[in-house]
Amino acid sequence: MHRNLGSLVEILVLFLLLGLAAVVLFVMALMGVARARHLEPVAKAIWVVVIVIAPLLGPIAWFIAGAHPPRLYES
């Protein structure tokens, strides 16, 4: 019985840490959108909606696609 309790505690701790990481990622993404100077207000609103609707995939998409301003190449 004690062995099963230990496994349960380990699983709960793992889920707690994963949940905490997801919340931190969510908050950091929202802060990043708010601070993004390269985005128009409409684009910011769209990113906020994406992040809120998809609280795990939205922040990941923000950090991959939206967090960096587009590079302008001179020809």
C-alpha atoms as a PDB file:
ATOM      1  CA  MET A   1       0.000   0.000   0.000  1.00  0.00           C
ATOM      2  CA  HIS A   2       2.798   2.441   0.824  1.00  0.00           C
ATOM      3  CA  ARG A   3       4.454   1.759  -2.510  1.00  0.00           C
ATOM      4  CA  ASN A   4       1.305   2.769  -4.389  1.00  0.00           C
ATOM      5  CA  LEU A   5       1.021   5.923  -2.289  1.00  0.00           C
ATOM      6  CA  GLY A   6       4.596   6.891  -3.191  1.00  0.00           C
ATOM      7  CA  SER A   7       3.861   6.445  -6.888  1.00  0.00           C
ATOM      8  CA  LEU A   8       0.735   8.543  -6.550  1.00  0.00           C
ATOM      9  CA  VAL A   9       2.669  11.333  -4.849  1.00  0.00           C
ATOM     10  CA  GLU A  10       5.315  11.253  -7.600  1.00  0.00           C
ATOM     11  CA  ILE A  11       2.641  11.497 -10.283  1.00  0.00           C
ATOM     12  CA  LEU A  12       0.928  14.371  -8.473  1.00  0.00           C
ATOM     13  CA  VAL A  13       4.218  16.245  -8.134  1.00  0.00           C
ATOM     14  CA  LEU A  14       4.915  15.708 -11.843  1.00  0.00           C
ATOM     15  CA  PHE A  15       1.486  17.051 -12.817  1.00  0.00           C
ATOM     16  CA  LEU A  16       1.919  19.993 -10.455  1.00  0.00           C
ATOM     17  CA  LEU A  17       5.268  20.897 -12.027  1.00  0.00           C
ATOM     18  CA  LEU A  18       3.899  20.508 -15.564  1.00  0.00           C
ATOM     19  CA  GLY A  19       0.905  22.663 -14.675  1.00  0.00           C
ATOM     20  CA  LEU A  20       3.136  25.308 -13.158  1.00  0.00           C
ATOM     21  CA  ALA A  21       5.336  25.297 -16.274  1.00  0.00           C
ATOM     22  CA  ALA A  22       2.231  25.702 -18.465  1.00  0.00           C
ATOM     23  CA  VAL A  23       1.021  28.658 -16.387  1.00  0.00           C
ATOM     24  CA  VAL A  24       4.440  30.327 -16.551  1.00  0.00           C
ATOM     25  CA  LEU A  25       4.558  29.799 -20.334  1.00  0.00           C
ATOM     26  CA  PHE A  26       1.023  31.224 -20.656  1.00  0.00           C
ATOM     27  CA  VAL A  27       1.839  34.340 -18.624  1.00  0.00           C
ATOM     28  CA  MET A  28       5.165  34.910 -20.389  1.00  0.00           C
ATOM     29  CA  ALA A  29       3.456  34.664 -23.780  1.00  0.00           C
ATOM     30  CA  LEU A  30       0.789  37.198 -22.793  1.00  0.00           C
ATOM     31  CA  MET A  31       3.463  39.553 -21.467  1.00  0.00           C
ATOM     32  CA  GLY A  32       5.443  39.112 -24.670  1.00  0.00           C
ATOM     33  CA  VAL A  33       2.418  40.013 -26.778  1.00  0.00           C
ATOM     34  CA  ALA A  34       1.731  43.070 -24.634  1.00  0.00           C
ATOM     35  CA  ARG A  35       5.340  44.250 -24.992  1.00  0.00           C
ATOM     36  CA  ALA A  36       5.724  43.481 -28.713  1.00  0.00           C
ATOM     37  CA  ARG A  37       6.408  46.759 -30.464  1.00  0.00           C
ATOM     38  CA  HIS A  38       6.423  45.189 -33.917  1.00  0.00           C
ATOM     39  CA  LEU A  39       2.741  44.215 -33.779  1.00  0.00           C
ATOM     40  CA  GLU A  40      -0.277  46.319 -34.616  1.00  0.00           C
ATOM     41  CA  PRO A  41      -3.081  46.374 -32.008  1.00  0.00           C
ATOM     42  CA  VAL A  42      -5.254  44.032 -34.104  1.00  0.00           C
ATOM     43  CA  ALA A  43      -2.418  41.518 -34.395  1.00  0.00           C
ATOM     44  CA  LYS A  44      -1.880  41.705 -30.637  1.00  0.00           C
ATOM     45  CA  ALA A  45      -5.569  41.034 -30.043  1.00  0.00           C
ATOM     46  CA  ILE A  46      -5.457  38.028 -32.362  1.00  0.00           C
ATOM     47  CA  TRP A  47      -2.415  36.622 -30.542  1.00  0.00           C
ATOM     48  CA  VAL A  48      -4.132  37.089 -27.175  1.00  0.00           C
ATOM     49  CA  VAL A  49      -7.186  35.214 -28.445  1.00  0.00           C
ATOM     50  CA  VAL A  50      -4.996  32.389 -29.793  1.00  0.00           C
ATOM     51  CA  ILE A  51      -3.100  32.129 -26.499  1.00  0.00           C
ATOM     52  CA  VAL A  52      -6.287  32.142 -24.407  1.00  0.00           C
ATOM     53  CA  ILE A  53      -8.170  29.656 -26.602  1.00  0.00           C
ATOM     54  CA  ALA A  54      -5.213  27.246 -26.828  1.00  0.00           C
ATOM     55  CA  PRO A  55      -3.381  27.753 -23.514  1.00  0.00           C
ATOM     56  CA  LEU A  56      -0.608  25.263 -24.306  1.00  0.00           C
ATOM     57  CA  LEU A  57      -0.224  25.428 -28.072  1.00  0.00           C
ATOM     58  CA  GLY A  58      -0.909  29.177 -28.290  1.00  0.00           C
ATOM     59  CA  PRO A  59       2.117  30.233 -26.216  1.00  0.00           C
ATOM     60  CA  ILE A  60       4.329  27.750 -28.057  1.00  0.00           C
ATOM     61  CA  ALA A  61       3.144  29.198 -31.378  1.00  0.00           C
ATOM     62  CA  TRP A  62       3.819  32.714 -30.074  1.00  0.00           C
ATOM     63  CA  PHE A  63       7.402  31.911 -29.119  1.00  0.00           C
ATOM     64  CA  ILE A  64       8.040  30.157 -32.440  1.00  0.00           C
ATOM     65  CA  ALA A  65       6.267  32.480 -34.869  1.00  0.00           C
ATOM     66  CA  GLY A  66       5.295  35.772 -33.302  1.00  0.00           C
ATOM     67  CA  ALA A  67       7.780  36.770 -30.650  1.00  0.00           C
ATOM     68  CA  HIS A  68      10.441  38.030 -33.036  1.00  0.00           C
ATOM     69  CA  PRO A  69       9.939  40.996 -35.352  1.00  0.00           C
ATOM     70  CA  PRO A  70      10.152  40.157 -39.042  1.00  0.00           C
ATOM     71  CA  ARG A  71      13.563  40.771 -40.535  1.00  0.00           C
ATOM     72  CA  LEU A  72      13.749  43.256 -43.354  1.00  0.00           C
ATOM     73  CA  TYR A  73      16.346  42.456 -45.950  1.00  0.00           C
ATOM     74  CA  GLU A  74      17.764  45.194 -48.097  1.00  0.00           C
ATOM     75  CA  SER A  75      18.290  44.334 -51.727  1.00  0.00           C
END
